[in-house]
């Protein structure tokens, strides 16, 4: 489960990220609550989230091109410094009582610009630290690291906001970036497994898109990630709305709900780390259950049932995310991995500028329950569609058997079809079938 941590460079990286991730989660909770306090609007929370991820939608693919060209360690030193600085500026504005909602909007956008380069660089730098044999394990541990911080960050932020205000949470986040910067400086570059850098040339962005489009084992997971990320992962909007409007509670309850979801997320990430391979059927199944659990939470009649569903939602959400991430990374050519992962992160997080305001408007107009229900319904329906598309690309068909003692629902090979179509798609079908 923890085999990647035997590698010194990755261990230093993970320790720094653990501290920084805690600060990041503290800032997320404090930022959402600050915007809600300033405006009283779930739509404003959605706009803040959208502005933070809008640069990914606009420039995300170019971030992957840069990541494939540059020294990833040096690029991370720059991006992590900028991200820490945004936290310090927001802390200064809040602690001096000069903060306005447009300040939060502007700093969220700047943070998003840094993330354009940071995300694909950080994702692909992991493979350079651990080597190809440990990518799946390292990706899972990265997610466990991030979600473990989610256990601590929201709890501390909830207490801190209630006791001394949001500004101190922003200050902690800004200072927390000292840890990953120190870890990056201590990394032994001679022990890395650097991938060959892509030379500067025209058409690299188009080349990456063509590469993804020609591989079903890449394009369909990315499509599913895009829909679930855009419509199913709008928890800042829904949890603030449920806390404030439905249950009429405060920041402490909001932090509690995030912490409960983080418990499930850590469990999901650790279970993923134990698996030897990432299967696409697991990815589609986890996305389907994730959507169904969101629907159940939206219809929950009581606070305690709603809270109890946060952990299973976290398990399924992280299982889906980790499985999709590691599947896409391992299926990508190393020279293309930066561009592939930039597209992956663009559709997963860059869809938030569309989904955030839209789900915020639905939540404000029709209520928190309808907003949450719609996100879960879209996730579940698309998961079924992508699962069937992957099965078809892999030469499989759905088989339903209601007899006792048999697997009721499974995929079986479809009869081979004669003709040129089989010759042109056979390699893709073999790749997808082995991944499934």
Protein backbone atom coordinates (compact mmCIF):
# COMPACT_ATOMS: atom_id res chain seq x y z
CA UNK A 1 0.00 0.00 0.00
CA UNK A 2 2.84 2.45 0.82
CA UNK A 3 5.57 1.11 -1.48
CA UNK A 4 6.18 4.48 -3.20
CA UNK A 5 7.20 6.04 0.13
CA UNK A 6 10.36 3.90 0.14
CA UNK A 7 11.68 6.28 -2.54
CA UNK A 8 13.40 9.25 -0.88
CA UNK A 9 12.48 11.87 -3.46
CA UNK A 10 8.82 10.93 -3.44
CA UNK A 11 8.82 10.81 0.37
CA UNK A 12 10.12 14.41 0.56
CA UNK A 13 7.57 15.50 -2.02
CA UNK A 14 4.71 13.78 -0.18
CA UNK A 15 5.67 15.30 3.19
CA UNK A 16 5.69 18.80 1.74
CA UNK A 17 2.40 18.26 -0.01
CA UNK A 18 0.79 16.99 3.22
CA UNK A 19 1.44 20.33 4.94
CA UNK A 20 0.45 22.40 1.91
CA UNK A 21 -2.70 20.36 1.29
CA UNK A 22 -3.85 21.01 4.86
CA UNK A 23 -3.52 24.74 4.25
CA UNK A 24 -5.28 24.43 0.90
CA UNK A 25 -8.30 22.77 2.50
CA UNK A 26 -8.37 25.39 5.25
CA UNK A 27 -8.41 28.13 2.62
CA UNK A 28 -11.14 26.39 0.61
CA UNK A 29 -13.47 26.24 3.61
CA UNK A 30 -12.62 29.78 4.72
CA UNK A 31 -12.98 31.16 1.18
CA UNK A 32 -16.42 29.58 0.64
CA UNK A 33 -17.66 30.82 4.01
CA UNK A 34 -16.19 34.29 3.50
CA UNK A 35 -17.96 34.69 0.14
CA UNK A 36 -21.23 33.42 1.60
CA UNK A 37 -20.85 35.86 4.52
CA UNK A 38 -20.15 38.79 2.18
CA UNK A 39 -22.95 38.04 -0.30
CA UNK A 40 -25.42 35.54 1.20
CA UNK A 41 -25.55 33.84 -2.22
CA UNK A 42 -24.77 30.28 -3.30
CA UNK A 43 -24.35 31.64 -6.83
CA UNK A 44 -21.49 33.87 -5.60
CA UNK A 45 -19.79 30.79 -4.11
CA UNK A 46 -20.19 29.12 -7.51
CA UNK A 47 -18.72 32.15 -9.29
CA UNK A 48 -15.68 32.10 -6.98
CA UNK A 49 -15.11 28.42 -7.71
CA UNK A 50 -15.66 29.05 -11.42
CA UNK A 51 -13.09 31.86 -11.55
CA UNK A 52 -10.54 29.65 -9.82
CA UNK A 53 -10.92 26.99 -12.50
CA UNK A 54 -11.66 29.22 -15.52
CA UNK A 55 -7.94 29.44 -16.49
CA UNK A 56 -7.86 25.65 -16.72
CA UNK A 57 -10.70 25.76 -19.22
CA UNK A 58 -9.08 28.55 -21.24
CA UNK A 59 -5.38 27.64 -21.08
CA UNK A 60 -5.21 24.13 -19.60
CA UNK A 61 -3.96 22.41 -22.74
CA UNK A 62 -1.10 24.90 -23.10
CA UNK A 63 -0.03 24.04 -19.55
CA UNK A 64 0.51 20.46 -20.70
CA UNK A 65 2.64 21.59 -23.63
CA UNK A 66 4.84 23.63 -21.26
CA UNK A 67 5.07 20.69 -18.83
CA UNK A 68 6.29 18.39 -21.60
CA UNK A 69 8.96 20.92 -22.63
CA UNK A 70 10.37 22.15 -19.29
CA UNK A 71 12.26 20.93 -16.24
CA UNK A 72 9.34 19.93 -14.01
CA UNK A 73 11.09 20.51 -10.67
CA UNK A 74 12.04 24.09 -11.55
CA UNK A 75 8.56 24.81 -12.89
CA UNK A 76 6.98 23.53 -9.67
CA UNK A 77 9.19 25.85 -7.60
CA UNK A 78 7.68 28.79 -9.49
CA UNK A 79 4.05 27.67 -9.41
CA UNK A 80 4.08 26.68 -5.73
CA UNK A 81 5.57 30.08 -4.82
CA UNK A 82 2.83 31.94 -6.67
CA UNK A 83 0.10 29.83 -5.05
CA UNK A 84 1.48 30.54 -1.58
CA UNK A 85 1.62 34.26 -2.34
CA UNK A 86 -2.11 34.38 -3.20
CA UNK A 87 -2.92 33.02 0.26
CA UNK A 88 -0.76 35.64 1.95
CA UNK A 89 -2.38 38.50 0.01
CA UNK A 90 -5.89 37.27 0.85
CA UNK A 91 -4.85 36.96 4.50
CA UNK A 92 -3.59 40.55 4.56
CA UNK A 93 -6.83 41.87 3.04
CA UNK A 94 -9.06 39.88 5.39
CA UNK A 95 -7.12 40.55 8.60
CA UNK A 96 -7.10 44.30 7.83
CA UNK A 97 -10.90 44.30 7.25
CA UNK A 98 -10.41 45.58 3.70
CA UNK A 99 -11.61 42.48 1.86
CA UNK A 100 -14.41 42.70 -0.71
CA UNK A 101 -15.88 39.93 -2.79
CA UNK A 102 -14.11 41.16 -5.93
CA UNK A 103 -10.77 40.69 -4.12
CA UNK A 104 -11.66 37.03 -3.58
CA UNK A 105 -12.72 36.72 -7.23
CA UNK A 106 -9.44 38.23 -8.50
CA UNK A 107 -7.18 36.12 -6.27
CA UNK A 108 -9.13 32.98 -7.16
CA UNK A 109 -8.43 33.71 -10.83
CA UNK A 110 -4.70 34.27 -10.18
CA UNK A 111 -4.57 30.99 -8.26
CA UNK A 112 -6.20 29.33 -11.26
CA UNK A 113 -3.54 30.72 -13.60
CA UNK A 114 -0.80 29.15 -11.46
CA UNK A 115 -2.75 25.88 -11.40
CA UNK A 116 -2.72 25.74 -15.21
CA UNK A 117 1.01 24.98 -15.07
CA UNK A 118 1.12 23.33 -11.64
CA UNK A 119 -1.40 20.54 -12.24
CA UNK A 120 0.05 18.75 -15.30
CA UNK A 121 3.60 19.37 -14.05
CA UNK A 122 2.89 17.93 -10.60
CA UNK A 123 0.97 14.96 -12.04
CA UNK A 124 3.75 13.99 -14.46
CA UNK A 125 6.60 14.76 -12.01
CA UNK A 126 5.29 11.93 -9.84
CA UNK A 127 6.21 9.40 -12.54
CA UNK A 128 9.71 10.91 -12.75
CA UNK A 129 10.20 10.43 -9.00
CA UNK A 130 8.92 6.85 -8.70
CA UNK A 131 9.41 5.33 -12.17
CA UNK A 132 6.84 3.56 -14.35
CA UNK A 133 6.33 0.58 -12.05
CA UNK A 134 4.97 2.67 -9.17
CA UNK A 135 2.76 5.20 -10.97
CA UNK A 136 -0.54 3.65 -9.86
CA UNK A 137 0.54 3.38 -6.24
CA UNK A 138 1.96 6.91 -6.16
CA UNK A 139 -1.18 8.43 -7.72
CA UNK A 140 -3.32 6.68 -5.10
CA UNK A 141 -1.05 7.87 -2.27
CA UNK A 142 -1.18 11.42 -3.66
CA UNK A 143 -4.95 11.27 -3.43
CA UNK A 144 -4.78 9.79 0.07
CA UNK A 145 -2.39 12.58 1.04
CA UNK A 146 -4.74 15.25 -0.31
CA UNK A 147 -7.80 13.72 1.30
CA UNK A 148 -6.05 13.09 4.63
CA UNK A 149 -5.38 16.81 4.76
CA UNK A 150 -9.08 17.23 4.11
CA UNK A 151 -9.70 15.48 7.44
CA UNK A 152 -7.64 18.03 9.32
CA UNK A 153 -8.06 21.21 7.28
CA UNK A 154 -11.85 21.67 7.43
CA UNK A 155 -11.96 20.84 11.15
CA UNK A 156 -9.25 23.40 11.96
CA UNK A 157 -10.81 25.94 9.59
CA UNK A 158 -14.26 25.55 11.15
CA UNK A 159 -12.89 26.22 14.64
CA UNK A 160 -10.61 29.02 13.42
CA UNK A 161 -13.38 30.83 11.50
CA UNK A 162 -15.70 30.68 14.49
CA UNK A 163 -13.00 31.80 16.94
CA UNK A 164 -10.83 34.38 15.14
CA UNK A 165 -12.13 34.70 11.56
CA UNK A 166 -11.20 33.54 8.06
CA UNK A 167 -8.01 35.63 7.74
CA UNK A 168 -5.89 33.35 9.91
CA UNK A 169 -6.84 30.32 7.77
CA UNK A 170 -5.62 32.20 4.69
CA UNK A 171 -2.37 33.08 6.49
CA UNK A 172 -1.74 29.45 7.43
CA UNK A 173 -2.27 28.40 3.83
CA UNK A 174 0.17 30.97 2.49
CA UNK A 175 2.89 29.91 4.95
CA UNK A 176 2.21 26.19 4.36
CA UNK A 177 3.80 26.38 0.90
CA UNK A 178 7.20 26.68 2.57
CA UNK A 179 7.04 22.89 3.14
CA UNK A 180 6.68 21.74 -0.51
CA UNK A 181 9.22 24.33 -1.66
CA UNK A 182 11.73 22.96 0.85
CA UNK A 183 11.01 19.40 -0.27
CA UNK A 184 11.54 20.29 -3.94
CA UNK A 185 14.89 21.94 -3.11
CA UNK A 186 16.03 18.81 -1.23
CA UNK A 187 15.21 16.38 -4.05
CA UNK A 188 18.21 14.53 -5.51
CA UNK A 189 17.95 15.15 -9.23
CA UNK A 190 20.31 12.28 -10.03
CA UNK A 191 17.74 9.79 -8.66
CA UNK A 192 14.90 10.99 -10.91
CA UNK A 193 13.59 9.12 -13.95
CA UNK A 194 13.24 12.09 -16.32
CA UNK A 195 11.12 11.58 -19.40
CA UNK A 196 12.39 12.87 -22.71
CA UNK A 197 11.39 16.50 -23.13
CA UNK A 198 9.28 17.35 -26.13
CA UNK A 199 11.20 19.67 -28.50
CA UNK A 200 9.73 23.06 -29.35
CA UNK A 201 7.76 22.73 -32.56
CA UNK A 202 4.51 23.81 -34.12
CA UNK A 203 1.37 21.72 -33.80
CA UNK A 204 2.19 20.08 -30.44
CA UNK A 205 -1.21 20.96 -29.00
CA UNK A 206 -3.02 19.54 -32.02
CA UNK A 207 -0.76 16.48 -31.89
CA UNK A 208 -1.81 15.80 -28.29
CA UNK A 209 -5.52 16.13 -29.09
CA UNK A 210 -5.19 13.81 -32.08
CA UNK A 211 -3.34 11.27 -29.94
CA UNK A 212 -6.10 11.22 -27.30
CA UNK A 213 -8.90 11.09 -29.87
CA UNK A 214 -7.36 8.03 -31.55
CA UNK A 215 -7.20 6.01 -28.31
CA UNK A 216 -10.57 4.86 -26.85
CA UNK A 217 -8.87 3.93 -23.56
CA UNK A 218 -8.01 7.62 -23.15
CA UNK A 219 -10.90 9.55 -24.70
CA UNK A 220 -13.80 7.79 -22.93
CA UNK A 221 -12.37 8.09 -19.38
CA UNK A 222 -11.66 11.76 -20.09
CA UNK A 223 -15.26 12.27 -21.31
CA UNK A 224 -16.60 10.69 -18.11
CA UNK A 225 -14.22 12.72 -15.94
CA UNK A 226 -15.39 15.88 -17.71
CA UNK A 227 -19.09 15.32 -17.01
CA UNK A 228 -18.63 14.16 -13.41
CA UNK A 229 -16.15 16.96 -12.65
CA UNK A 230 -18.40 19.62 -14.18
CA UNK A 231 -21.73 18.57 -12.69
CA UNK A 232 -21.04 16.10 -9.86
CA UNK A 233 -18.23 17.74 -7.84
CA UNK A 234 -19.86 21.04 -6.86
CA UNK A 235 -19.74 20.35 -3.12
CA UNK A 236 -18.80 23.90 -2.04
CA UNK A 237 -22.12 25.07 -3.49
CA UNK A 238 -24.30 22.24 -2.22
CA UNK A 239 -22.81 21.81 1.24
CA UNK A 240 -22.88 25.54 2.01
CA UNK A 241 -26.51 25.65 0.81
CA UNK A 242 -27.55 22.59 2.83
CA UNK A 243 -25.74 23.88 5.92
CA UNK A 244 -27.16 27.40 5.75
CA UNK A 245 -30.58 27.00 4.13
CA UNK A 246 -31.76 23.44 4.83
CA UNK A 247 -30.24 22.67 8.24
CA UNK A 248 -29.74 26.31 9.38
CA UNK A 249 -26.32 25.63 10.92
CA UNK A 250 -22.96 27.46 10.91
CA UNK A 251 -19.36 27.10 9.74
CA UNK A 252 -18.63 24.29 12.20
CA UNK A 253 -21.29 22.06 10.61
CA UNK A 254 -19.98 22.88 7.13
CA UNK A 255 -16.50 21.82 8.25
CA UNK A 256 -17.95 18.63 9.76
CA UNK A 257 -19.64 17.63 6.48
CA UNK A 258 -16.39 18.18 4.58
CA UNK A 259 -14.50 16.15 7.17
CA UNK A 260 -16.93 13.23 6.91
CA UNK A 261 -16.55 13.24 3.14
CA UNK A 262 -12.78 13.32 3.57
CA UNK A 263 -12.90 10.20 5.78
CA UNK A 264 -14.52 8.31 2.93
CA UNK A 265 -12.10 9.82 0.43
CA UNK A 266 -9.06 8.63 2.40
CA UNK A 267 -10.53 5.13 2.60
CA UNK A 268 -11.19 5.16 -1.14
CA UNK A 269 -7.66 6.34 -1.93
CA UNK A 270 -6.00 3.74 0.31
CA UNK A 271 -8.11 0.94 -1.14
CA UNK A 272 -7.06 2.12 -4.61
CA UNK A 273 -3.40 2.02 -3.52
CA UNK A 274 -3.76 -1.68 -2.66
CA UNK A 275 -4.97 -2.57 -6.16
CA UNK A 276 -2.37 -3.78 -8.61
CA UNK A 277 -4.16 -2.40 -11.68
CA UNK A 278 -6.81 0.15 -12.58
CA UNK A 279 -9.82 -1.32 -14.37
CA UNK A 280 -12.18 0.74 -16.50
CA UNK A 281 -15.18 -1.26 -15.30
CA UNK A 282 -14.30 -0.15 -11.75
CA UNK A 283 -14.02 3.45 -12.96
CA UNK A 284 -17.47 3.40 -14.60
CA UNK A 285 -19.05 1.50 -11.70
CA UNK A 286 -17.65 3.91 -9.12
CA UNK A 287 -18.94 6.89 -11.11
CA UNK A 288 -22.40 5.31 -11.27
CA UNK A 289 -22.51 4.63 -7.52
CA UNK A 290 -21.18 8.14 -6.86
CA UNK A 291 -24.14 9.62 -8.75
CA UNK A 292 -26.66 7.33 -7.05
CA UNK A 293 -25.33 8.25 -3.59
CA UNK A 294 -25.58 11.97 -4.43
CA UNK A 295 -29.23 11.42 -5.41
CA UNK A 296 -29.84 9.64 -2.10
CA UNK A 297 -28.20 12.48 -0.14
CA UNK A 298 -30.29 15.08 -1.97
CA UNK A 299 -33.47 13.27 -0.91
CA UNK A 300 -32.34 12.63 2.70
CA UNK A 301 -35.08 13.69 5.14
CA UNK A 302 -32.75 14.33 8.11
CA UNK A 303 -29.37 15.91 8.84
CA UNK A 304 -27.84 12.75 10.28
CA UNK A 305 -28.74 10.62 7.25
CA UNK A 306 -27.34 13.34 4.98
CA UNK A 307 -24.14 13.45 7.05
CA UNK A 308 -23.84 9.64 7.07
CA UNK A 309 -23.88 9.59 3.26
CA UNK A 310 -20.89 11.93 3.01
CA UNK A 311 -18.36 9.13 3.69
CA UNK A 312 -19.68 6.72 1.00
CA UNK A 313 -19.85 9.61 -1.46
CA UNK A 314 -16.19 10.34 -0.65
CA UNK A 315 -15.22 6.67 -1.15
CA UNK A 316 -16.87 6.41 -4.55
CA UNK A 317 -15.71 9.86 -5.70
CA UNK A 318 -12.07 9.10 -4.88
CA UNK A 319 -12.22 5.56 -6.26
CA UNK A 320 -13.52 6.96 -9.54
CA UNK A 321 -10.99 9.80 -9.65
CA UNK A 322 -7.92 7.71 -8.76
CA UNK A 323 -8.88 4.89 -11.12
CA UNK A 324 -9.44 7.28 -14.01
CA UNK A 325 -6.21 9.19 -13.28
CA UNK A 326 -3.95 6.15 -13.05
CA UNK A 327 -5.63 4.48 -16.06
CA UNK A 328 -5.02 7.52 -18.24
CA UNK A 329 -1.42 7.99 -17.04
CA UNK A 330 -0.41 4.36 -17.56
CA UNK A 331 -2.08 4.24 -20.99
CA UNK A 332 -0.26 7.39 -22.21
CA UNK A 333 3.06 7.54 -24.02
CA UNK A 334 5.61 9.28 -21.71
CA UNK A 335 6.35 11.94 -24.35
CA UNK A 336 2.61 12.75 -24.50
CA UNK A 337 1.79 12.40 -20.81
CA UNK A 338 1.93 16.11 -19.97
CA UNK A 339 -0.50 17.00 -22.74
CA UNK A 340 -2.80 14.07 -21.94
CA UNK A 341 -2.90 14.96 -18.24
CA UNK A 342 -3.47 18.64 -19.01
CA UNK A 343 -6.53 17.63 -21.03
CA UNK A 344 -7.60 15.33 -18.19
CA UNK A 345 -7.29 18.10 -15.60
CA UNK A 346 -8.84 20.65 -17.95
CA UNK A 347 -12.06 18.68 -18.35
CA UNK A 348 -12.13 17.55 -14.69
CA UNK A 349 -11.52 20.94 -13.08
CA UNK A 350 -11.87 23.32 -16.02
CA UNK A 351 -15.53 22.41 -16.41
CA UNK A 352 -16.21 24.08 -13.06
CA UNK A 353 -16.63 27.56 -14.67
CA UNK A 354 -19.60 26.04 -16.48
CA UNK A 355 -20.92 23.69 -13.81
CA UNK A 356 -20.27 25.98 -10.82
CA UNK A 357 -22.48 28.95 -11.82
CA UNK A 358 -25.05 26.64 -13.42
CA UNK A 359 -25.39 24.43 -10.34
CA UNK A 360 -25.32 27.56 -8.15
CA UNK A 361 -28.21 29.05 -10.15
CA UNK A 362 -30.18 25.79 -9.97
CA UNK A 363 -29.52 25.64 -6.22
CA UNK A 364 -30.57 29.26 -5.62
CA UNK A 365 -33.64 29.00 -7.88
CA UNK A 366 -35.01 25.56 -7.09
CA UNK A 367 -33.39 24.77 -3.74
CA UNK A 368 -30.41 22.81 -2.43
CA UNK A 369 -32.08 19.44 -2.88
CA UNK A 370 -32.82 19.92 -6.58
CA UNK A 371 -29.29 21.24 -7.19
CA UNK A 372 -27.66 18.21 -5.54
CA UNK A 373 -30.12 15.81 -7.22
CA UNK A 374 -29.38 17.16 -10.70
CA UNK A 375 -25.61 16.75 -10.26
CA UNK A 376 -25.99 13.14 -9.12
CA UNK A 377 -28.43 12.29 -11.90
CA UNK A 378 -26.13 13.63 -14.64
CA UNK A 379 -23.15 11.71 -13.20
CA UNK A 380 -25.06 8.42 -13.04
CA UNK A 381 -26.52 8.67 -16.56
CA UNK A 382 -23.19 9.55 -18.19
CA UNK A 383 -21.43 6.74 -16.28
CA UNK A 384 -23.83 4.22 -17.80
CA UNK A 385 -23.34 5.68 -21.28
CA UNK A 386 -19.53 5.70 -21.08
CA UNK A 387 -19.48 2.19 -19.62
CA UNK A 388 -21.45 0.90 -22.59
CA UNK A 389 -19.21 2.84 -25.03
CA UNK A 390 -16.06 1.34 -23.48
CA UNK A 391 -17.58 -2.13 -23.67
CA UNK A 392 -18.41 -1.63 -27.33
CA UNK A 393 -14.91 -0.31 -28.10
CA UNK A 394 -13.47 -3.38 -26.37
CA UNK A 395 -15.62 -5.79 -28.37
CA UNK A 396 -17.84 -6.63 -25.37
CA UNK A 397 -21.60 -6.69 -24.89
CA UNK A 398 -23.84 -6.51 -21.82
CA UNK A 399 -25.25 -9.84 -20.69
CA UNK A 400 -28.08 -10.10 -18.11
CA UNK A 401 -28.61 -13.49 -16.46
CA UNK A 402 -31.27 -13.71 -13.73
CA UNK A 403 -30.65 -17.38 -12.84
CA UNK A 404 -29.72 -18.18 -9.26
CA UNK A 405 -25.99 -18.73 -8.70
CA UNK A 406 -24.98 -16.77 -11.80
CA UNK A 407 -23.61 -13.26 -12.14
CA UNK A 408 -26.69 -11.28 -13.02
CA UNK A 409 -24.98 -8.50 -14.99
CA UNK A 410 -21.67 -8.96 -16.80
CA UNK A 411 -19.88 -8.17 -20.05
CA UNK A 412 -19.01 -10.95 -22.48
CA UNK A 413 -17.15 -10.88 -25.83
CA UNK A 414 -19.42 -10.09 -28.76
CA UNK A 415 -19.25 -12.18 -31.88
CA UNK A 416 -16.39 -11.00 -34.16
CA UNK A 417 -17.65 -9.16 -37.22
CA UNK A 418 -15.94 -9.97 -40.54
CA UNK A 419 -14.65 -7.26 -42.80
CA UNK A 420 -12.20 -4.35 -42.79
CA UNK A 421 -13.67 -2.76 -39.64
CA UNK A 422 -12.12 -5.46 -37.47
CA UNK A 423 -8.70 -4.92 -39.00
CA UNK A 424 -8.76 -1.15 -38.36
CA UNK A 425 -10.06 -1.30 -34.80
CA UNK A 426 -8.53 -4.54 -33.52
CA UNK A 427 -5.57 -2.91 -31.73
CA UNK A 428 -7.80 -0.41 -29.95
CA UNK A 429 -10.21 -3.17 -28.93
CA UNK A 430 -7.37 -5.23 -27.50
CA UNK A 431 -6.12 -2.28 -25.41
CA UNK A 432 -9.58 -1.41 -24.10
CA UNK A 433 -10.46 -5.05 -23.35
CA UNK A 434 -7.25 -5.58 -21.35
CA UNK A 435 -7.89 -2.37 -19.40
CA UNK A 436 -11.49 -3.36 -18.71
